[in-house]
Protein backbone atom coordinates (compact mmCIF):
# COMPACT_ATOMS: atom_id res chain seq x y z
CA MET A 1 -168.80 -30.57 -39.71
CA LYS A 2 -166.80 -29.27 -36.75
CA LYS A 3 -168.56 -31.77 -34.52
CA SER A 4 -167.68 -34.71 -36.79
CA ILE A 5 -163.97 -33.70 -36.93
CA THR A 6 -163.88 -33.27 -33.14
CA LEU A 7 -165.65 -36.60 -32.69
CA SER A 8 -163.22 -38.30 -35.11
CA MET A 9 -160.21 -36.84 -33.30
CA GLY A 10 -161.66 -37.89 -29.94
CA LEU A 11 -162.21 -41.44 -31.16
CA ALA A 12 -158.67 -41.59 -32.61
CA ILE A 13 -157.13 -40.34 -29.35
CA GLY A 14 -159.29 -42.80 -27.36
CA ALA A 15 -158.26 -45.71 -29.58
CA LEU A 16 -154.59 -44.70 -29.29
CA ALA A 17 -154.93 -44.53 -25.51
CA LEU A 18 -156.41 -48.05 -25.46
CA LEU A 19 -153.57 -49.38 -27.62
CA VAL A 20 -150.85 -47.73 -25.52
CA GLY A 21 -152.42 -48.68 -22.19
CA CYS A 22 -151.41 -47.36 -18.81
CA GLY A 23 -147.71 -47.13 -18.02
CA HIS A 24 -144.73 -48.74 -19.70
CA GLN A 25 -145.55 -52.28 -20.86
CA GLY A 26 -141.97 -53.35 -21.68
CA ASP A 27 -141.05 -54.22 -18.09
CA LYS A 28 -144.00 -56.58 -17.68
CA ALA A 29 -143.13 -58.52 -20.83
CA LYS A 30 -139.48 -59.01 -19.78
CA THR A 31 -140.22 -60.11 -16.23
CA SER A 32 -140.81 -63.83 -15.89
CA ALA A 33 -141.62 -65.90 -12.86
CA GLU A 34 -138.58 -67.09 -10.92
CA PRO A 35 -138.26 -70.88 -10.97
CA LYS A 36 -139.07 -72.49 -7.63
CA TRP A 37 -136.07 -74.84 -7.80
CA LYS A 38 -132.68 -73.72 -9.05
CA GLY A 39 -129.85 -76.04 -10.02
CA LEU A 40 -129.70 -79.80 -10.40
CA PRO A 41 -132.79 -81.87 -9.49
CA TYR A 42 -131.39 -83.33 -6.25
CA ARG A 43 -129.58 -81.92 -3.21
CA LEU A 44 -127.51 -84.06 -0.86
CA ALA A 45 -126.67 -83.60 2.81
CA LEU A 46 -125.17 -85.72 5.57
CA ASP A 47 -127.75 -87.21 7.89
CA THR A 48 -125.50 -87.77 10.92
CA PRO A 49 -121.83 -87.21 11.76
CA PRO A 50 -119.45 -89.62 10.01
CA ALA A 51 -119.41 -93.04 11.61
CA LYS A 52 -116.26 -94.87 12.66
CA PRO A 53 -114.82 -97.26 10.07
CA ASN A 54 -116.54 -100.61 9.87
CA PRO A 55 -114.84 -103.99 9.18
CA VAL A 56 -114.14 -102.99 5.56
CA GLY A 57 -112.15 -100.02 6.87
CA ILE A 58 -114.36 -97.13 5.79
CA ALA A 59 -117.82 -95.78 6.60
CA ILE A 60 -119.61 -93.28 4.40
CA PRO A 61 -122.11 -91.50 6.67
CA PRO A 62 -125.84 -91.72 5.89
CA ILE A 63 -126.81 -89.41 3.02
CA LYS A 64 -130.12 -87.54 2.81
CA TYR A 65 -131.56 -86.30 -0.46
CA THR A 66 -134.13 -83.67 -1.33
CA ALA A 67 -135.56 -83.52 -4.83
CA ASN A 68 -137.27 -81.05 -7.07
CA PRO A 69 -140.85 -82.41 -7.05
CA ASP A 70 -141.20 -81.48 -10.73
CA ASP A 71 -138.10 -83.48 -11.77
CA LEU A 72 -138.10 -86.75 -9.80
CA ALA A 73 -136.04 -89.79 -10.80
CA THR A 74 -136.95 -93.34 -9.82
CA ARG A 75 -133.48 -94.85 -10.28
CA MET A 76 -130.07 -93.40 -9.67
CA VAL A 77 -126.45 -94.33 -9.19
CA LEU A 78 -124.15 -93.15 -6.41
CA ALA A 79 -120.81 -91.96 -7.79
CA VAL A 80 -117.92 -91.64 -5.34
CA ARG A 81 -114.75 -89.72 -6.19
CA PHE A 82 -111.87 -89.72 -3.77
CA ASP A 83 -108.60 -87.95 -3.19
CA SER A 84 -105.96 -88.80 -0.64
CA ALA A 85 -102.39 -87.61 -0.20
CA GLU A 86 -101.26 -91.23 -0.22
CA SER A 87 -103.53 -92.34 -3.04
CA SER A 88 -102.07 -89.83 -5.49
CA LYS A 89 -98.85 -91.91 -5.71
CA ASN A 90 -100.39 -95.35 -5.91
CA ALA A 91 -103.92 -95.16 -7.25
CA PRO A 92 -104.79 -94.88 -10.93
CA SER A 93 -105.85 -91.54 -12.38
CA GLY A 94 -109.55 -92.47 -12.22
CA ASN A 95 -110.11 -92.25 -8.49
CA ARG A 96 -113.80 -93.08 -8.55
CA VAL A 97 -116.26 -95.85 -7.81
CA ILE A 98 -119.59 -95.93 -9.62
CA MET A 99 -122.19 -98.02 -7.86
CA ALA A 100 -124.96 -100.15 -9.34
CA PRO A 101 -128.37 -98.50 -9.89
CA GLU A 102 -130.68 -98.13 -6.89
CA ASP A 103 -134.38 -97.25 -6.69
CA ILE A 104 -135.30 -94.06 -4.87
CA HIS A 105 -138.79 -92.93 -3.96
CA GLY A 106 -140.34 -89.56 -3.21
CA ASP A 107 -138.93 -86.08 -3.11
CA SER A 108 -136.92 -86.63 0.09
CA GLY A 109 -135.36 -89.47 2.00
CA THR A 110 -132.13 -91.21 2.90
CA LEU A 111 -130.09 -93.58 0.76
CA SER A 112 -130.60 -97.10 2.09
CA ALA A 113 -128.14 -98.46 4.65
CA ASP A 114 -127.63 -101.60 2.52
CA TYR A 115 -126.73 -99.47 -0.49
CA LEU A 116 -124.19 -97.46 1.54
CA ASP A 117 -122.76 -100.67 3.02
CA THR A 118 -122.17 -101.93 -0.51
CA ALA A 119 -120.54 -98.58 -1.39
CA ASN A 120 -118.32 -98.90 1.70
CA THR A 121 -117.30 -102.42 0.67
CA GLU A 122 -116.50 -101.44 -2.93
CA LEU A 123 -114.66 -98.26 -1.97
CA GLY A 124 -112.77 -100.09 0.83
CA ALA A 125 -111.67 -102.84 -1.58
CA PHE A 126 -110.52 -100.26 -4.13
CA LEU A 127 -108.60 -98.17 -1.59
CA GLY A 128 -107.17 -101.30 0.04
CA SER A 129 -105.86 -102.65 -3.25
CA TYR A 130 -103.72 -99.49 -3.58
CA CYS A 131 -102.61 -99.55 0.10
CA VAL A 132 -104.28 -96.24 0.88
CA LYS A 133 -104.73 -95.44 4.57
CA GLY A 134 -105.62 -92.48 6.72
CA LYS A 135 -107.87 -89.55 5.90
CA VAL A 136 -109.49 -89.69 2.50
CA LYS A 137 -111.45 -86.85 0.97
CA ILE A 138 -114.39 -88.20 -0.97
CA SER A 139 -117.19 -86.55 -2.89
CA VAL A 140 -120.48 -88.25 -3.63
CA ALA A 141 -123.13 -87.38 -6.19
CA LEU A 142 -126.30 -88.90 -7.56
CA VAL A 143 -126.05 -89.73 -11.25
CA LYS A 144 -128.57 -90.96 -13.82
CA SER A 145 -128.82 -94.75 -13.78
CA SER A 146 -127.87 -94.93 -17.46
CA VAL A 147 -124.25 -93.95 -16.72
CA ASP A 148 -121.53 -96.42 -17.72
CA PRO A 149 -119.79 -98.01 -14.69
CA HIS A 150 -116.44 -96.94 -16.17
CA ALA A 151 -117.48 -93.38 -17.03
CA ASP A 152 -114.96 -90.56 -16.95
CA ASP A 153 -115.42 -87.29 -15.05
CA ALA A 154 -116.91 -85.46 -18.06
CA THR A 155 -119.58 -88.14 -18.50
CA LEU A 156 -120.35 -88.15 -14.79
CA ASP A 157 -120.75 -84.38 -14.80
CA ALA A 158 -123.07 -84.55 -17.82
CA LYS A 159 -125.32 -87.14 -16.11
CA ARG A 160 -125.28 -85.74 -12.57
CA LEU A 161 -128.58 -85.35 -10.72
CA SER A 162 -126.95 -83.55 -7.75
CA ASP A 163 -123.93 -81.46 -6.90
CA TRP A 164 -120.88 -83.20 -5.44
CA LEU A 165 -121.08 -83.48 -1.64
CA PRO A 166 -117.58 -83.42 -0.09
CA ILE A 167 -116.95 -85.72 2.88
CA GLU A 168 -113.77 -86.55 4.78
CA VAL A 169 -113.56 -90.13 6.05
CA VAL A 170 -110.86 -92.22 7.68
CA PHE A 171 -109.78 -95.41 5.95
CA LYS A 172 -108.18 -98.03 8.17
CA ASN A 173 -106.81 -100.53 5.70
CA PRO A 174 -107.67 -104.01 6.96
CA HIS A 175 -105.19 -105.68 4.58
CA PRO A 176 -102.04 -106.91 6.33
CA HIS A 177 -99.83 -106.66 3.21
CA CYS A 178 -99.79 -102.83 3.26
C-alpha cells in the first residue's frame, strides 16, 4: 500500500511538473514579434538637390519612394501643401494642390518626371494666381487615389500613404501683373 501511495504521489508531482513547465511562461506569451515595417506604407525622400525654377516658376525636386512590400499600392495621388510668408495674406485657407491619380510600381522607385512637371505647372499656376513669390515651404505626401481633389487636411491625413516630406523651393512668379 505504501508503494501505491508513493507511486501516486510521484505521478501527481510529475504531472504537475509537466503542466507547469520549465521557467515562467508569462513572458513568452506577452512577447510578440516586432513588425518589420513601422508607420505608414510609404516613405519619401528627395532624389537630388532642388532644381532651379523652370518656366512655370517652380521646380519640385525628384521624389523617391520606398514601400512596405506587404502593403503596396498600385495607384496614388501626390498631395502638396504649401506655406509662404507672402501667401498667408493673399492665398485662401486651403493652401494645397491635390494631383490626379498616378500608377506606381514596385516597392521602390521615383515619381515620374512627367507627373512632377504637371505638379509644378499646377502649383505654379495656383501660387501665381495669388501673386506669391520667393521662398515657399511645401510638404508633399502620397495619398490613396480615392481622395477627393478638394479634400481638407483631415481627409488627407486619413488617406495618407506616407508622412509629409518638407521641401523649400523658390517660386519666381512668371506673371507680369504681380
